[in-house]
């Protein structure tokens, strides 16, 4: 076990293999740490889009038919 001080000045005891890994950690590992929040937000955005389209799609066709019928009726009344 090795004592390590973090950014706040707190000392913690960690295994030597963890300390060695953190010291030798490359750019790919640091990028991987930041990918998890990105994918979560993307999944949430995709789910929101799917939900939105599933909610709106059943309303689009009846509203189109209603507007189309009203326009047709209005044009017939003009003649």
N, C-alpha and C. Protein backbone atom coordinates (compact mmCIF):
# COMPACT_ATOMS: atom_id res chain seq x y z
N UNK A 1 0.85 -1.18 0.00
CA UNK A 1 0.00 0.00 0.00
C UNK A 1 0.89 1.24 0.00
N UNK A 2 0.39 2.24 -0.71
CA UNK A 2 1.15 3.47 -0.85
C UNK A 2 0.23 4.64 -0.52
N UNK A 3 0.75 5.63 0.20
CA UNK A 3 -0.03 6.81 0.54
C UNK A 3 0.02 7.80 -0.62
N UNK A 4 -1.16 8.31 -1.00
CA UNK A 4 -1.26 9.24 -2.12
C UNK A 4 -2.07 10.44 -1.66
N UNK A 5 -1.62 11.65 -2.05
CA UNK A 5 -2.33 12.87 -1.71
C UNK A 5 -3.10 13.35 -2.94
N UNK A 6 -4.39 13.64 -2.76
CA UNK A 6 -5.21 14.10 -3.89
C UNK A 6 -5.16 15.63 -3.99
N UNK A 7 -5.98 16.20 -4.89
CA UNK A 7 -5.96 17.64 -5.14
C UNK A 7 -6.40 18.46 -3.92
N UNK A 8 -7.22 17.87 -3.08
CA UNK A 8 -7.72 18.58 -1.89
C UNK A 8 -6.75 18.50 -0.71
N UNK A 9 -5.67 17.78 -0.87
CA UNK A 9 -4.71 17.64 0.20
C UNK A 9 -4.99 16.47 1.13
N UNK A 10 -5.97 15.63 0.77
CA UNK A 10 -6.31 14.47 1.59
C UNK A 10 -5.38 13.32 1.22
N UNK A 11 -4.92 12.60 2.23
CA UNK A 11 -4.03 11.47 2.01
C UNK A 11 -4.84 10.18 2.08
N UNK A 12 -4.66 9.34 1.05
CA UNK A 12 -5.35 8.06 1.01
C UNK A 12 -4.33 6.97 0.76
N UNK A 13 -4.68 5.78 1.19
CA UNK A 13 -3.82 4.62 0.98
C UNK A 13 -4.36 3.82 -0.20
N UNK A 14 -3.50 3.60 -1.22
CA UNK A 14 -3.90 2.85 -2.41
C UNK A 14 -2.88 1.75 -2.67
N UNK A 15 -3.32 0.66 -3.31
CA UNK A 15 -2.37 -0.38 -3.69
C UNK A 15 -1.34 0.16 -4.68
N UNK A 16 -0.14 -0.40 -4.64
CA UNK A 16 0.94 0.07 -5.50
C UNK A 16 0.59 -0.08 -6.98
N UNK A 17 -0.12 -1.16 -7.33
CA UNK A 17 -0.46 -1.36 -8.74
C UNK A 17 -1.40 -0.26 -9.25
N UNK A 18 -2.29 0.24 -8.40
CA UNK A 18 -3.19 1.32 -8.79
C UNK A 18 -2.41 2.61 -8.98
N UNK A 19 -1.49 2.89 -8.08
CA UNK A 19 -0.67 4.10 -8.19
C UNK A 19 0.18 4.04 -9.45
N UNK A 20 0.79 2.88 -9.73
CA UNK A 20 1.61 2.73 -10.94
C UNK A 20 0.76 2.92 -12.20
N UNK A 21 -0.43 2.33 -12.21
CA UNK A 21 -1.31 2.46 -13.38
C UNK A 21 -1.69 3.92 -13.60
N UNK A 22 -2.07 4.61 -12.54
CA UNK A 22 -2.47 6.01 -12.66
C UNK A 22 -1.32 6.89 -13.14
N UNK A 23 -0.10 6.57 -12.71
CA UNK A 23 1.07 7.34 -13.15
C UNK A 23 1.36 7.10 -14.63
N UNK A 24 1.15 5.88 -15.11
CA UNK A 24 1.48 5.51 -16.49
C UNK A 24 0.29 5.62 -17.44
N UNK A 25 -0.86 6.04 -16.93
CA UNK A 25 -2.08 6.10 -17.73
C UNK A 25 -1.87 7.06 -18.91
N UNK A 26 -2.23 6.58 -20.10
CA UNK A 26 -2.04 7.37 -21.31
C UNK A 26 -3.29 8.15 -21.68
N UNK A 27 -3.22 8.79 -22.84
CA UNK A 27 -4.33 9.62 -23.31
C UNK A 27 -5.59 8.84 -23.59
N UNK A 28 -5.44 7.61 -24.11
CA UNK A 28 -6.63 6.81 -24.43
C UNK A 28 -7.44 6.50 -23.18
N UNK A 29 -6.75 6.20 -22.08
CA UNK A 29 -7.46 5.90 -20.84
C UNK A 29 -8.18 7.14 -20.30
N UNK A 30 -7.55 8.29 -20.45
CA UNK A 30 -8.18 9.52 -19.98
C UNK A 30 -9.39 9.89 -20.83
N UNK A 31 -9.32 9.62 -22.13
CA UNK A 31 -10.46 9.87 -23.01
C UNK A 31 -11.60 8.92 -22.65
N UNK A 32 -11.27 7.66 -22.36
CA UNK A 32 -12.29 6.69 -21.99
C UNK A 32 -13.05 7.12 -20.74
N UNK A 33 -12.38 7.81 -19.83
CA UNK A 33 -13.05 8.28 -18.61
C UNK A 33 -14.14 9.29 -18.94
N UNK A 34 -13.94 10.05 -20.00
CA UNK A 34 -14.90 11.11 -20.35
C UNK A 34 -15.96 10.66 -21.34
N UNK A 35 -15.86 9.45 -21.87
CA UNK A 35 -16.84 8.98 -22.84
C UNK A 35 -18.16 8.56 -22.21
N UNK A 36 -18.13 8.05 -21.01
CA UNK A 36 -19.36 7.54 -20.38
C UNK A 36 -20.45 8.61 -20.28
N UNK A 37 -20.18 9.81 -19.81
CA UNK A 37 -21.25 10.82 -19.76
C UNK A 37 -21.75 11.20 -21.15
N UNK A 38 -20.86 11.19 -22.15
CA UNK A 38 -21.26 11.56 -23.50
C UNK A 38 -22.27 10.57 -24.06
N UNK A 39 -22.00 9.28 -23.92
CA UNK A 39 -22.90 8.28 -24.46
C UNK A 39 -24.24 8.28 -23.72
N UNK A 40 -24.23 8.57 -22.44
CA UNK A 40 -25.48 8.64 -21.70
C UNK A 40 -26.35 9.77 -22.24
N UNK A 41 -25.76 10.92 -22.49
CA UNK A 41 -26.55 12.03 -23.01
C UNK A 41 -27.04 11.74 -24.42
N UNK A 42 -26.22 11.06 -25.23
CA UNK A 42 -26.65 10.72 -26.59
C UNK A 42 -27.82 9.74 -26.55
N UNK A 43 -27.75 8.76 -25.65
CA UNK A 43 -28.84 7.79 -25.54
C UNK A 43 -30.12 8.49 -25.10
N UNK A 44 -29.98 9.42 -24.16
CA UNK A 44 -31.15 10.14 -23.68
C UNK A 44 -31.75 10.96 -24.82
N UNK A 45 -30.90 11.58 -25.64
CA UNK A 45 -31.38 12.37 -26.76
C UNK A 45 -32.09 11.48 -27.79
N UNK A 46 -31.51 10.31 -28.07
CA UNK A 46 -32.14 9.39 -29.02
C UNK A 46 -33.49 8.91 -28.49
N UNK A 47 -33.54 8.58 -27.20
CA UNK A 47 -34.80 8.12 -26.62
C UNK A 47 -35.85 9.22 -26.65
N UNK A 48 -35.43 10.46 -26.43
CA UNK A 48 -36.36 11.58 -26.48
C UNK A 48 -36.90 11.74 -27.89
N UNK A 49 -36.02 11.61 -28.89
CA UNK A 49 -36.48 11.73 -30.28
C UNK A 49 -37.46 10.62 -30.63
N UNK A 50 -37.17 9.40 -30.21
CA UNK A 50 -38.06 8.28 -30.50
C UNK A 50 -39.41 8.51 -29.83
N UNK A 51 -39.38 8.91 -28.56
CA UNK A 51 -40.63 9.16 -27.83
C UNK A 51 -41.42 10.28 -28.50
N UNK A 52 -40.73 11.34 -28.90
CA UNK A 52 -41.40 12.47 -29.53
C UNK A 52 -42.09 12.03 -30.82
N UNK A 53 -41.39 11.25 -31.65
CA UNK A 53 -41.97 10.81 -32.91
C UNK A 53 -43.11 9.82 -32.69
N UNK A 54 -42.98 8.97 -31.69
CA UNK A 54 -44.07 8.04 -31.40
C UNK A 54 -45.30 8.78 -30.87
N UNK A 55 -45.07 9.89 -30.20
CA UNK A 55 -46.17 10.68 -29.67
C UNK A 55 -46.83 11.53 -30.76
N UNK A 56 -46.02 12.09 -31.65
CA UNK A 56 -46.52 13.00 -32.67
C UNK A 56 -47.08 12.27 -33.88
N UNK A 57 -46.48 11.15 -34.27
CA UNK A 57 -46.89 10.46 -35.50
C UNK A 57 -48.38 10.11 -35.54
N UNK A 58 -48.98 9.59 -34.47
CA UNK A 58 -50.42 9.29 -34.54
C UNK A 58 -51.28 10.54 -34.72
N UNK A 59 -50.76 11.70 -34.37
CA UNK A 59 -51.53 12.94 -34.51
C UNK A 59 -51.37 13.56 -35.90
N UNK A 60 -50.29 13.23 -36.61
CA UNK A 60 -50.03 13.88 -37.89
C UNK A 60 -51.05 13.48 -38.96
N UNK A 61 -51.33 12.21 -39.08
CA UNK A 61 -52.22 11.75 -40.16
C UNK A 61 -53.65 12.26 -39.96
N UNK A 62 -54.24 12.12 -38.77
CA UNK A 62 -55.60 12.66 -38.62
C UNK A 62 -55.67 14.18 -38.82
N UNK A 63 -54.65 14.89 -38.36
CA UNK A 63 -54.67 16.34 -38.55
C UNK A 63 -54.52 16.69 -40.03
N UNK A 64 -53.68 15.96 -40.75
CA UNK A 64 -53.55 16.18 -42.19
C UNK A 64 -54.88 15.93 -42.89
N UNK A 65 -55.54 14.84 -42.53
CA UNK A 65 -56.83 14.51 -43.15
C UNK A 65 -57.87 15.58 -42.84
N UNK A 66 -57.87 16.07 -41.62
CA UNK A 66 -58.84 17.10 -41.22
C UNK A 66 -58.60 18.39 -42.00
N UNK A 67 -57.36 18.82 -42.07
CA UNK A 67 -57.04 20.05 -42.80
C UNK A 67 -57.34 19.86 -44.28
N UNK A 68 -57.00 18.72 -44.82
CA UNK A 68 -57.26 18.45 -46.23
C UNK A 68 -58.76 18.49 -46.51
N UNK A 69 -59.56 17.93 -45.63
CA UNK A 69 -61.01 17.93 -45.80
C UNK A 69 -61.57 19.35 -45.70
N UNK A 70 -61.05 20.14 -44.75
CA UNK A 70 -61.52 21.52 -44.61
C UNK A 70 -61.18 22.35 -45.84
N UNK A 71 -59.99 22.16 -46.37
CA UNK A 71 -59.60 22.89 -47.59
C UNK A 71 -60.49 22.46 -48.74
N UNK A 72 -60.73 21.18 -48.85
CA UNK A 72 -61.59 20.66 -49.92
C UNK A 72 -63.01 21.23 -49.79
N UNK A 73 -63.55 21.25 -48.58
CA UNK A 73 -64.89 21.80 -48.35
C UNK A 73 -64.94 23.29 -48.67
N UNK A 74 -63.89 24.00 -48.28
CA UNK A 74 -63.84 25.44 -48.53
C UNK A 74 -63.80 25.71 -50.03
N UNK A 75 -63.02 24.95 -50.77
CA UNK A 75 -62.94 25.13 -52.22
C UNK A 75 -64.26 24.79 -52.90
N UNK A 76 -64.97 23.79 -52.39
CA UNK A 76 -66.28 23.44 -52.95
C UNK A 76 -67.31 24.54 -52.69
N UNK A 77 -67.20 25.21 -51.55
CA UNK A 77 -68.14 26.29 -51.22
C UNK A 77 -67.90 27.53 -52.07
N UNK A 78 -66.67 27.69 -52.56
CA UNK A 78 -66.37 28.85 -53.40
C UNK A 78 -67.00 28.72 -54.78
N UNK A 79 -67.23 27.54 -55.23
CA UNK A 79 -67.76 27.34 -56.59
C UNK A 79 -69.21 27.61 -56.69
